[in-house]
């Protein structure tokens, strides 16, 4: 263990006193941070090393001339005095003690820095704890206010629900009365409208039959013109290709014509498919021999 020379005292001639008795006596002069008892040494008597937290504590205990602990008179010296009394010891032991003391100083510095950091962390923790407590108080306050608001809203909602239910029943009754009135009015309007529509439908039917008759006459006229045009095309082809074999084939030409026997429905339906002609050309046309009429 490492001890500082300036803040360490050496106790000798304590005979059979326990370490707790020595520590208890020294604590009257200041805080002790390290101690060690040497019972088996090369010297004739054992000794104890007591290191105080401050040099002033070591100075205070050394300022007394008489040291009696539990009736036993002991001798207390500072560390340097103890070393001088035991100068007969080997120099290697002294150098080792000094190295231990230097290492101890570094360790103490590190511990002091850790202590400072611990104090800073403790202060930050306390600040944070205060913030958490303040937030917890505020949260409890909000919870209480929220509970009061919920109760108030539930009461208002219940009253509003009762009022709305009564209003809906009254509104439903009024709507039923209006619906019955509208239905009766609509029935009367529909009857008048149906009468007007029936008259208009009869008039439109008469006009439709007249239009059908006109279209039928136009279709018959166009059919005659188509037959005349087809005959002209055949004559033109015969004059255009005198030495060419023509192969004409009529495909799907169906005409369904019904007589207009019913006076109320004069209607004629005709389905006409186009006439397809297949021409096989064996020689060039002789245009010079064609005369147009």
C-alpha atoms as a PDB file:
ATOM      1  CA  UNK A   1       0.000   0.000   0.000  1.00  0.00           C
ATOM      2  CA  UNK A   2       1.171   3.522  -0.792  1.00  0.00           C
ATOM      3  CA  UNK A   3       1.334   6.340   1.737  1.00  0.00           C
ATOM      4  CA  UNK A   4       2.021  10.066   1.423  1.00  0.00           C
ATOM      5  CA  UNK A   5       4.936  11.265   3.553  1.00  0.00           C
ATOM      6  CA  UNK A   6       3.370  14.575   4.566  1.00  0.00           C
ATOM      7  CA  UNK A   7      -0.083  13.309   5.555  1.00  0.00           C
ATOM      8  CA  UNK A   8       1.040  10.004   7.133  1.00  0.00           C
ATOM      9  CA  UNK A   9       1.910   9.360  10.804  1.00  0.00           C
ATOM     10  CA  UNK A  10       3.558   6.306  12.349  1.00  0.00           C
ATOM     11  CA  UNK A  11       2.355   4.805  15.650  1.00  0.00           C
ATOM     12  CA  UNK A  12       4.697   2.557  17.647  1.00  0.00           C
ATOM     13  CA  UNK A  13       4.754   0.949  21.084  1.00  0.00           C
ATOM     14  CA  UNK A  14       1.023   0.192  20.945  1.00  0.00           C
ATOM     15  CA  UNK A  15       1.657  -3.284  22.367  1.00  0.00           C
ATOM     16  CA  UNK A  16      -1.545  -5.343  22.119  1.00  0.00           C
ATOM     17  CA  UNK A  17      -3.915  -2.544  21.077  1.00  0.00           C
ATOM     18  CA  UNK A  18      -6.223  -3.479  18.242  1.00  0.00           C
ATOM     19  CA  UNK A  19      -6.286  -1.678  14.935  1.00  0.00           C
ATOM     20  CA  UNK A  20      -9.850  -0.463  15.619  1.00  0.00           C
ATOM     21  CA  UNK A  21      -8.648   1.264  18.808  1.00  0.00           C
ATOM     22  CA  UNK A  22      -5.840   3.004  16.917  1.00  0.00           C
ATOM     23  CA  UNK A  23      -8.167   4.069  14.102  1.00  0.00           C
ATOM     24  CA  UNK A  24     -10.810   5.329  16.520  1.00  0.00           C
ATOM     25  CA  UNK A  25      -8.231   7.465  18.332  1.00  0.00           C
ATOM     26  CA  UNK A  26      -6.798   8.949  15.117  1.00  0.00           C
ATOM     27  CA  UNK A  27     -10.238   9.749  13.693  1.00  0.00           C
ATOM     28  CA  UNK A  28     -10.591  12.393  16.395  1.00  0.00           C
ATOM     29  CA  UNK A  29      -8.066  14.502  14.473  1.00  0.00           C
ATOM     30  CA  UNK A  30      -9.392  14.061  10.917  1.00  0.00           C
ATOM     31  CA  UNK A  31     -10.574  11.735   8.195  1.00  0.00           C
ATOM     32  CA  UNK A  32      -8.441   8.630   7.577  1.00  0.00           C
ATOM     33  CA  UNK A  33      -8.193   7.360   4.000  1.00  0.00           C
ATOM     34  CA  UNK A  34      -5.619   4.552   4.433  1.00  0.00           C
ATOM     35  CA  UNK A  35      -3.953   2.594   7.239  1.00  0.00           C
ATOM     36  CA  UNK A  36      -1.682  -0.436   7.660  1.00  0.00           C
ATOM     37  CA  UNK A  37      -0.253  -2.370  10.629  1.00  0.00           C
ATOM     38  CA  UNK A  38       3.193  -4.000  10.393  1.00  0.00           C
ATOM     39  CA  UNK A  39       3.476  -6.726  13.005  1.00  0.00           C
ATOM     40  CA  UNK A  40       6.264  -8.862  11.524  1.00  0.00           C
ATOM     41  CA  UNK A  41       9.237  -6.652  10.609  1.00  0.00           C
ATOM     42  CA  UNK A  42      12.993  -6.656  11.042  1.00  0.00           C
ATOM     43  CA  UNK A  43      12.587  -4.085  13.836  1.00  0.00           C
ATOM     44  CA  UNK A  44      12.108  -5.072  17.465  1.00  0.00           C
ATOM     45  CA  UNK A  45       8.686  -3.440  17.719  1.00  0.00           C
ATOM     46  CA  UNK A  46       5.629  -3.334  15.366  1.00  0.00           C
ATOM     47  CA  UNK A  47       4.283  -0.111  13.960  1.00  0.00           C
ATOM     48  CA  UNK A  48       1.151   1.221  12.248  1.00  0.00           C
ATOM     49  CA  UNK A  49       0.915   3.636   9.316  1.00  0.00           C
ATOM     50  CA  UNK A  50      -2.050   6.046   9.397  1.00  0.00           C
ATOM     51  CA  UNK A  51      -2.684   8.304   6.396  1.00  0.00           C
ATOM     52  CA  UNK A  52      -5.028  11.287   6.820  1.00  0.00           C
ATOM     53  CA  UNK A  53      -7.038  12.919   4.061  1.00  0.00           C
ATOM     54  CA  UNK A  54      -5.310  16.277   4.697  1.00  0.00           C
ATOM     55  CA  UNK A  55      -1.854  17.348   5.902  1.00  0.00           C
ATOM     56  CA  UNK A  56      -3.457  19.580   8.563  1.00  0.00           C
ATOM     57  CA  UNK A  57      -4.919  16.512  10.271  1.00  0.00           C
ATOM     58  CA  UNK A  58      -1.482  14.888  10.470  1.00  0.00           C
ATOM     59  CA  UNK A  59       0.001  18.132  11.810  1.00  0.00           C
ATOM     60  CA  UNK A  60      -2.761  18.372  14.417  1.00  0.00           C
ATOM     61  CA  UNK A  61      -2.147  14.908  15.859  1.00  0.00           C
ATOM     62  CA  UNK A  62       1.638  15.442  15.881  1.00  0.00           C
ATOM     63  CA  UNK A  63       1.237  18.678  17.866  1.00  0.00           C
ATOM     64  CA  UNK A  64       0.375  16.683  21.003  1.00  0.00           C
ATOM     65  CA  UNK A  65       3.143  15.398  23.267  1.00  0.00           C
ATOM     66  CA  UNK A  66       1.312  12.691  25.198  1.00  0.00           C
ATOM     67  CA  UNK A  67      -0.604   9.912  23.467  1.00  0.00           C
ATOM     68  CA  UNK A  68      -2.583   7.491  25.641  1.00  0.00           C
ATOM     69  CA  UNK A  69      -4.970   5.031  24.028  1.00  0.00           C
ATOM     70  CA  UNK A  70      -7.059   2.791  26.323  1.00  0.00           C
ATOM     71  CA  UNK A  71      -4.483   3.284  29.075  1.00  0.00           C
ATOM     72  CA  UNK A  72      -1.529   2.445  26.867  1.00  0.00           C
ATOM     73  CA  UNK A  73       1.071   5.139  26.209  1.00  0.00           C
ATOM     74  CA  UNK A  74       2.004   5.058  22.517  1.00  0.00           C
ATOM     75  CA  UNK A  75       4.491   6.968  20.407  1.00  0.00           C
ATOM     76  CA  UNK A  76       3.315   8.866  17.319  1.00  0.00           C
ATOM     77  CA  UNK A  77       5.835  10.234  14.825  1.00  0.00           C
ATOM     78  CA  UNK A  78       5.631  11.666  11.358  1.00  0.00           C
ATOM     79  CA  UNK A  79       6.693   9.479   8.488  1.00  0.00           C
ATOM     80  CA  UNK A  80      10.103  11.159   8.022  1.00  0.00           C
ATOM     81  CA  UNK A  81      10.985  10.797  11.690  1.00  0.00           C
ATOM     82  CA  UNK A  82      10.139   7.152  11.556  1.00  0.00           C
ATOM     83  CA  UNK A  83      12.383   6.708   8.544  1.00  0.00           C
ATOM     84  CA  UNK A  84      15.264   8.485  10.312  1.00  0.00           C
ATOM     85  CA  UNK A  85      14.889   6.231  13.366  1.00  0.00           C
ATOM     86  CA  UNK A  86      15.155   3.193  11.165  1.00  0.00           C
ATOM     87  CA  UNK A  87      17.992   4.443   8.942  1.00  0.00           C
ATOM     88  CA  UNK A  88      19.743   1.163   9.505  1.00  0.00           C
ATOM     89  CA  UNK A  89      17.278  -0.486   7.133  1.00  0.00           C
ATOM     90  CA  UNK A  90      18.418  -1.184   3.633  1.00  0.00           C
ATOM     91  CA  UNK A  91      18.248   1.630   1.099  1.00  0.00           C
ATOM     92  CA  UNK A  92      16.348  -0.624  -1.283  1.00  0.00           C
ATOM     93  CA  UNK A  93      13.403  -0.774   1.117  1.00  0.00           C
ATOM     94  CA  UNK A  94      13.378   3.015   1.380  1.00  0.00           C
ATOM     95  CA  UNK A  95      13.451   3.459  -2.401  1.00  0.00           C
ATOM     96  CA  UNK A  96      10.605   1.003  -2.720  1.00  0.00           C
ATOM     97  CA  UNK A  97       8.578   2.935  -0.199  1.00  0.00           C
ATOM     98  CA  UNK A  98       9.239   6.205  -2.043  1.00  0.00           C
ATOM     99  CA  UNK A  99       8.189   4.645  -5.367  1.00  0.00           C
ATOM    100  CA  UNK A 100       5.060   3.367  -3.707  1.00  0.00           C
ATOM    101  CA  UNK A 101       4.392   6.863  -2.381  1.00  0.00           C
ATOM    102  CA  UNK A 102       4.809   8.426  -5.856  1.00  0.00           C
ATOM    103  CA  UNK A 103       2.492   5.842  -7.357  1.00  0.00           C
ATOM    104  CA  UNK A 104       0.064   6.515  -4.541  1.00  0.00           C
ATOM    105  CA  UNK A 105       0.047  10.244  -5.350  1.00  0.00           C
ATOM    106  CA  UNK A 106      -0.882   9.475  -8.958  1.00  0.00           C
ATOM    107  CA  UNK A 107      -3.588   7.136  -7.767  1.00  0.00           C
ATOM    108  CA  UNK A 108      -4.895   9.799  -5.398  1.00  0.00           C
ATOM    109  CA  UNK A 109      -4.981  12.332  -8.246  1.00  0.00           C
ATOM    110  CA  UNK A 110      -6.950   9.895 -10.393  1.00  0.00           C
ATOM    111  CA  UNK A 111      -9.310   9.165  -7.543  1.00  0.00           C
ATOM    112  CA  UNK A 112      -9.810  12.883  -6.940  1.00  0.00           C
ATOM    113  CA  UNK A 113     -10.647  13.387 -10.610  1.00  0.00           C
ATOM    114  CA  UNK A 114     -13.094  10.488 -10.470  1.00  0.00           C
ATOM    115  CA  UNK A 115     -14.578  12.018  -7.334  1.00  0.00           C
ATOM    116  CA  UNK A 116     -15.026  15.369  -9.088  1.00  0.00           C
ATOM    117  CA  UNK A 117     -16.685  13.618 -12.027  1.00  0.00           C
ATOM    118  CA  UNK A 118     -18.891  11.727  -9.610  1.00  0.00           C
ATOM    119  CA  UNK A 119     -19.939  14.981  -7.936  1.00  0.00           C
ATOM    120  CA  UNK A 120     -20.742  16.514 -11.334  1.00  0.00           C
ATOM    121  CA  UNK A 121     -22.768  13.452 -12.320  1.00  0.00           C
ATOM    122  CA  UNK A 122     -24.543  13.551  -8.960  1.00  0.00           C
ATOM    123  CA  UNK A 123     -25.427  17.213  -9.464  1.00  0.00           C
ATOM    124  CA  UNK A 124     -26.749  16.480 -12.965  1.00  0.00           C
ATOM    125  CA  UNK A 125     -28.750  13.557 -11.601  1.00  0.00           C
ATOM    126  CA  UNK A 126     -30.291  15.741  -8.910  1.00  0.00           C
ATOM    127  CA  UNK A 127     -31.237  18.390 -11.505  1.00  0.00           C
ATOM    128  CA  UNK A 128     -32.724  15.731 -13.728  1.00  0.00           C
ATOM    129  CA  UNK A 129     -34.581  14.202 -10.794  1.00  0.00           C
ATOM    130  CA  UNK A 130     -36.070  17.607  -9.955  1.00  0.00           C
ATOM    131  CA  UNK A 131     -37.213  18.011 -13.566  1.00  0.00           C
ATOM    132  CA  UNK A 132     -38.794  14.558 -13.516  1.00  0.00           C
ATOM    133  CA  UNK A 133     -40.581  15.335 -10.264  1.00  0.00           C
ATOM    134  CA  UNK A 134     -41.869  18.632 -11.705  1.00  0.00           C
ATOM    135  CA  UNK A 135     -43.056  16.848 -14.841  1.00  0.00           C
ATOM    136  CA  UNK A 136     -44.718  14.164 -12.721  1.00  0.00           C
ATOM    137  CA  UNK A 137     -46.564  16.827 -10.704  1.00  0.00           C
ATOM    138  CA  UNK A 138     -47.658  18.512 -13.935  1.00  0.00           C
ATOM    139  CA  UNK A 139     -48.752  15.168 -15.376  1.00  0.00           C
ATOM    140  CA  UNK A 140     -50.852  14.388 -12.308  1.00  0.00           C
ATOM    141  CA  UNK A 141     -52.425  17.824 -12.566  1.00  0.00           C
ATOM    142  CA  UNK A 142     -53.258  17.249 -16.243  1.00  0.00           C
ATOM    143  CA  UNK A 143     -54.704  13.825 -15.426  1.00  0.00           C
ATOM    144  CA  UNK A 144     -56.976  15.361 -12.794  1.00  0.00           C
ATOM    145  CA  UNK A 145     -58.123  18.107 -15.172  1.00  0.00           C
ATOM    146  CA  UNK A 146     -58.627  15.536 -17.924  1.00  0.00           C
ATOM    147  CA  UNK A 147     -60.795  13.400 -15.636  1.00  0.00           C
ATOM    148  CA  UNK A 148     -62.962  16.417 -14.765  1.00  0.00           C
ATOM    149  CA  UNK A 149     -63.328  17.333 -18.458  1.00  0.00           C
ATOM    150  CA  UNK A 150     -64.266  13.752 -19.361  1.00  0.00           C
ATOM    151  CA  UNK A 151     -66.992  13.690 -16.738  1.00  0.00           C
ATOM    152  CA  UNK A 152     -68.324  17.042 -17.951  1.00  0.00           C
ATOM    153  CA  UNK A 153     -68.281  15.931 -21.593  1.00  0.00           C
ATOM    154  CA  UNK A 154     -70.046  12.665 -20.756  1.00  0.00           C
ATOM    155  CA  UNK A 155     -72.788  14.549 -18.917  1.00  0.00           C
ATOM    156  CA  UNK A 156     -73.238  16.994 -21.812  1.00  0.00           C
ATOM    157  CA  UNK A 157     -73.200  14.131 -24.319  1.00  0.00           C
ATOM    158  CA  UNK A 158     -75.910  12.298 -22.410  1.00  0.00           C
ATOM    159  CA  UNK A 159     -78.132  15.409 -22.342  1.00  0.00           C
ATOM    160  CA  UNK A 160     -77.476  16.026 -26.023  1.00  0.00           C
ATOM    161  CA  UNK A 161     -78.348  12.419 -26.841  1.00  0.00           C
ATOM    162  CA  UNK A 162     -81.696  12.686 -25.054  1.00  0.00           C
ATOM    163  CA  UNK A 163     -82.483  15.981 -26.784  1.00  0.00           C
ATOM    164  CA  UNK A 164     -81.460  14.586 -30.164  1.00  0.00           C
ATOM    165  CA  UNK A 165     -83.606  11.479 -29.708  1.00  0.00           C
ATOM    166  CA  UNK A 166     -86.671  13.609 -28.961  1.00  0.00           C
ATOM    167  CA  UNK A 167     -85.954  15.875 -31.940  1.00  0.00           C
ATOM    168  CA  UNK A 168     -85.543  12.865 -34.242  1.00  0.00           C
ATOM    169  CA  UNK A 169     -88.875  11.405 -33.203  1.00  0.00           C
ATOM    170  CA  UNK A 170     -90.622  14.725 -33.850  1.00  0.00           C
ATOM    171  CA  UNK A 171     -88.828  15.142 -37.163  1.00  0.00           C
ATOM    172  CA  UNK A 172     -89.779  11.590 -38.226  1.00  0.00           C
ATOM    173  CA  UNK A 173     -93.450  12.329 -37.507  1.00  0.00           C
ATOM    174  CA  UNK A 174     -93.307  15.547 -39.534  1.00  0.00           C
ATOM    175  CA  UNK A 175     -91.564  13.754 -42.394  1.00  0.00           C
ATOM    176  CA  UNK A 176     -94.242  11.054 -42.452  1.00  0.00           C
ATOM    177  CA  UNK A 177     -96.995  13.665 -42.682  1.00  0.00           C
ATOM    178  CA  UNK A 178     -95.169  15.486 -45.491  1.00  0.00           C
ATOM    179  CA  UNK A 179     -94.442  12.229 -47.297  1.00  0.00           C
ATOM    180  CA  UNK A 180     -98.128  11.257 -47.259  1.00  0.00           C
ATOM    181  CA  UNK A 181     -99.071  14.695 -48.610  1.00  0.00           C
ATOM    182  CA  UNK A 182     -96.387  14.547 -51.325  1.00  0.00           C
ATOM    183  CA  UNK A 183     -97.440  11.027 -52.349  1.00  0.00           C
ATOM    184  CA  UNK A 184    -101.071  12.081 -52.700  1.00  0.00           C
ATOM    185  CA  UNK A 185    -100.047  15.153 -54.720  1.00  0.00           C
ATOM    186  CA  UNK A 186     -97.761  13.036 -56.891  1.00  0.00           C
ATOM    187  CA  UNK A 187    -100.519  10.537 -57.611  1.00  0.00           C
ATOM    188  CA  UNK A 188    -102.776  13.320 -58.884  1.00  0.00           C
ATOM    189  CA  UNK A 189     -99.952  14.760 -61.002  1.00  0.00           C
ATOM    190  CA  UNK A 190     -99.090  11.323 -62.413  1.00  0.00           C
ATOM    191  CA  UNK A 191    -102.686  10.722 -63.454  1.00  0.00           C
ATOM    192  CA  UNK A 192    -102.796  14.007 -65.345  1.00  0.00           C
ATOM    193  CA  UNK A 193     -99.400  13.376 -66.841  1.00  0.00           C
ATOM    194  CA  UNK A 194    -100.351   9.852 -67.994  1.00  0.00           C
ATOM    195  CA  UNK A 195    -103.400  11.208 -69.788  1.00  0.00           C
ATOM    196  CA  UNK A 196    -101.269  13.798 -71.593  1.00  0.00           C
ATOM    197  CA  UNK A 197     -98.626  11.211 -72.490  1.00  0.00           C
ATOM    198  CA  UNK A 198    -101.193   8.784 -73.914  1.00  0.00           C
ATOM    199  CA  UNK A 199    -102.526  11.477 -76.208  1.00  0.00           C
ATOM    200  CA  UNK A 200     -99.006  12.382 -77.343  1.00  0.00           C
ATOM    201  CA  UNK A 201     -98.113   8.724 -77.943  1.00  0.00           C
ATOM    202  CA  UNK A 202    -101.141   8.252 -80.197  1.00  0.00           C
ATOM    203  CA  UNK A 203    -100.172  11.344 -82.165  1.00  0.00           C
ATOM    204  CA  UNK A 204     -96.536  10.165 -82.468  1.00  0.00           C
ATOM    205  CA  UNK A 205     -97.676   6.702 -83.660  1.00  0.00           C
ATOM    206  CA  UNK A 206     -99.732   8.210 -86.454  1.00  0.00           C
ATOM    207  CA  UNK A 207     -96.774  10.364 -87.513  1.00  0.00           C
ATOM    208  CA  UNK A 208     -94.463   7.297 -87.343  1.00  0.00           C
ATOM    209  CA  UNK A 209     -96.643   5.272 -89.725  1.00  0.00           C
ATOM    210  CA  UNK A 210     -96.712   8.166 -92.195  1.00  0.00           C
ATOM    211  CA  UNK A 211     -92.896   8.362 -92.078  1.00  0.00           C
ATOM    212  CA  UNK A 212     -92.612   4.565 -92.603  1.00  0.00           C
ATOM    213  CA  UNK A 213     -94.717   4.785 -95.758  1.00  0.00           C
ATOM    214  CA  UNK A 214     -92.547   7.559 -97.155  1.00  0.00           C
ATOM    215  CA  UNK A 215     -89.332   5.620 -96.416  1.00  0.00           C
ATOM    216  CA  UNK A 216     -90.760   2.489 -98.025  1.00  0.00           C
ATOM    217  CA  UNK A 217     -91.528   4.380-101.250  1.00  0.00           C
ATOM    218  CA  UNK A 218     -88.005   5.830-101.243  1.00  0.00           C
ATOM    219  CA  UNK A 219     -86.528   2.328-100.770  1.00  0.00           C
ATOM    220  CA  UNK A 220     -88.467   0.910-103.762  1.00  0.00           C
ATOM    221  CA  UNK A 221     -87.243   3.768-105.922  1.00  0.00           C
ATOM    222  CA  UNK A 222     -83.615   3.250-104.818  1.00  0.00           C
ATOM    223  CA  UNK A 223     -83.887  -0.504-105.471  1.00  0.00           C
ATOM    224  CA  UNK A 224     -85.011   0.105-109.051  1.00  0.00           C
ATOM    225  CA  UNK A 225     -82.114   2.540-109.532  1.00  0.00           C
ATOM    226  CA  UNK A 226     -79.666  -0.076-108.156  1.00  0.00           C
ATOM    227  CA  UNK A 227     -80.964  -2.761-110.575  1.00  0.00           C
ATOM    228  CA  UNK A 228     -80.641  -0.359-113.494  1.00  0.00           C
ATOM    229  CA  UNK A 229     -77.083   0.590-112.407  1.00  0.00           C
ATOM    230  CA  UNK A 230     -76.077  -3.086-112.095  1.00  0.00           C
ATOM    231  CA  UNK A 231     -77.358  -3.795-115.630  1.00  0.00           C
ATOM    232  CA  UNK A 232     -75.374  -0.829-116.967  1.00  0.00           C
ATOM    233  CA  UNK A 233     -72.192  -2.116-115.246  1.00  0.00           C
ATOM    234  CA  UNK A 234     -72.568  -5.545-116.836  1.00  0.00           C
ATOM    235  CA  UNK A 235     -73.054  -3.995-120.287  1.00  0.00           C
ATOM    236  CA  UNK A 236     -69.990  -1.803-119.723  1.00  0.00           C
ATOM    237  CA  UNK A 237     -67.856  -4.806-118.736  1.00  0.00           C
ATOM    238  CA  UNK A 238     -69.029  -6.772-121.783  1.00  0.00           C
ATOM    239  CA  UNK A 239     -68.023  -3.879-124.044  1.00  0.00           C
ATOM    240  CA  UNK A 240     -64.734  -3.281-122.160  1.00  0.00           C
ATOM    241  CA  UNK A 241     -63.559  -6.918-122.222  1.00  0.00           C
ATOM    242  CA  UNK A 242     -65.062  -8.550-125.336  1.00  0.00           C
ATOM    243  CA  UNK A 243     -62.591 -11.509-125.344  1.00  0.00           C
ATOM    244  CA  UNK A 244     -62.480 -11.982-121.558  1.00  0.00           C
ATOM    245  CA  UNK A 245     -64.352 -14.699-119.754  1.00  0.00           C
ATOM    246  CA  UNK A 246     -66.433 -13.144-116.972  1.00  0.00           C
ATOM    247  CA  UNK A 247     -67.323 -15.144-113.907  1.00  0.00           C
ATOM    248  CA  UNK A 248     -70.024 -13.535-111.883  1.00  0.00           C
ATOM    249  CA  UNK A 249     -71.290 -15.007-108.711  1.00  0.00           C
ATOM    250  CA  UNK A 250     -73.900 -13.589-106.467  1.00  0.00           C
ATOM    251  CA  UNK A 251     -73.080 -14.156-102.749  1.00  0.00           C
ATOM    252  CA  UNK A 252     -75.631 -13.958 -99.989  1.00  0.00           C
ATOM    253  CA  UNK A 253     -78.160 -11.805-101.809  1.00  0.00           C
ATOM    254  CA  UNK A 254     -81.397 -12.214 -99.914  1.00  0.00           C
ATOM    255  CA  UNK A 255     -84.342  -9.965-100.044  1.00  0.00           C
ATOM    256  CA  UNK A 256     -87.140 -10.473 -97.605  1.00  0.00           C
ATOM    257  CA  UNK A 257     -90.135  -8.485 -98.503  1.00  0.00           C
ATOM    258  CA  UNK A 258     -93.421  -8.609 -96.705  1.00  0.00           C
ATOM    259  CA  UNK A 259     -96.632  -7.219 -98.061  1.00  0.00           C
ATOM    260  CA  UNK A 260     -98.118  -4.352 -96.229  1.00  0.00           C
ATOM    261  CA  UNK A 261    -101.445  -5.959 -95.404  1.00  0.00           C
ATOM    262  CA  UNK A 262    -101.997  -4.325 -91.991  1.00  0.00           C
ATOM    263  CA  UNK A 263    -103.327  -0.742 -92.352  1.00  0.00           C
ATOM    264  CA  UNK A 264    -102.121   0.237 -88.840  1.00  0.00           C
ATOM    265  CA  UNK A 265     -98.538  -1.024 -89.483  1.00  0.00           C
ATOM    266  CA  UNK A 266     -97.301  -0.300 -93.008  1.00  0.00           C
ATOM    267  CA  UNK A 267     -93.763  -1.508 -92.722  1.00  0.00           C
ATOM    268  CA  UNK A 268     -91.411  -3.132 -95.142  1.00  0.00           C
ATOM    269  CA  UNK A 269     -88.061  -4.716 -94.254  1.00  0.00           C
ATOM    270  CA  UNK A 270     -85.462  -5.569 -96.839  1.00  0.00           C
ATOM    271  CA  UNK A 271     -81.999  -6.989 -96.262  1.00  0.00           C
ATOM    272  CA  UNK A 272     -79.651  -6.404 -99.127  1.00  0.00           C
ATOM    273  CA  UNK A 273     -76.146  -7.811 -99.332  1.00  0.00           C
ATOM    274  CA  UNK A 274     -73.604  -6.495-101.718  1.00  0.00           C
ATOM    275  CA  UNK A 275     -73.054  -8.274-104.997  1.00  0.00           C
ATOM    276  CA  UNK A 276     -69.492  -9.582-105.309  1.00  0.00           C
ATOM    277  CA  UNK A 277     -68.033 -10.255-108.717  1.00  0.00           C
ATOM    278  CA  UNK A 278     -64.957 -12.363-109.467  1.00  0.00           C
ATOM    279  CA  UNK A 279     -63.219 -11.487-112.772  1.00  0.00           C
ATOM    280  CA  UNK A 280     -60.649 -13.700-114.453  1.00  0.00           C
ATOM    281  CA  UNK A 281     -58.565 -11.655-116.957  1.00  0.00           C
ATOM    282  CA  UNK A 282     -56.942 -13.571-119.817  1.00  0.00           C
ATOM    283  CA  UNK A 283     -55.718 -10.674-121.963  1.00  0.00           C
ATOM    284  CA  UNK A 284     -55.261  -6.908-121.944  1.00  0.00           C
ATOM    285  CA  UNK A 285     -58.373  -4.826-122.532  1.00  0.00           C
ATOM    286  CA  UNK A 286     -58.815  -3.311-125.938  1.00  0.00           C
ATOM    287  CA  UNK A 287     -59.798   0.216-125.149  1.00  0.00           C
ATOM    288  CA  UNK A 288     -59.563   1.414-128.725  1.00  0.00           C
ATOM    289  CA  UNK A 289     -62.629  -0.575-129.781  1.00  0.00           C
ATOM    290  CA  UNK A 290     -64.883   0.823-127.034  1.00  0.00           C
ATOM    291  CA  UNK A 291     -67.293   3.553-127.841  1.00  0.00           C
ATOM    292  CA  UNK A 292     -69.091   5.300-125.063  1.00  0.00           C
ATOM    293  CA  UNK A 293     -72.740   5.921-125.570  1.00  0.00           C
END
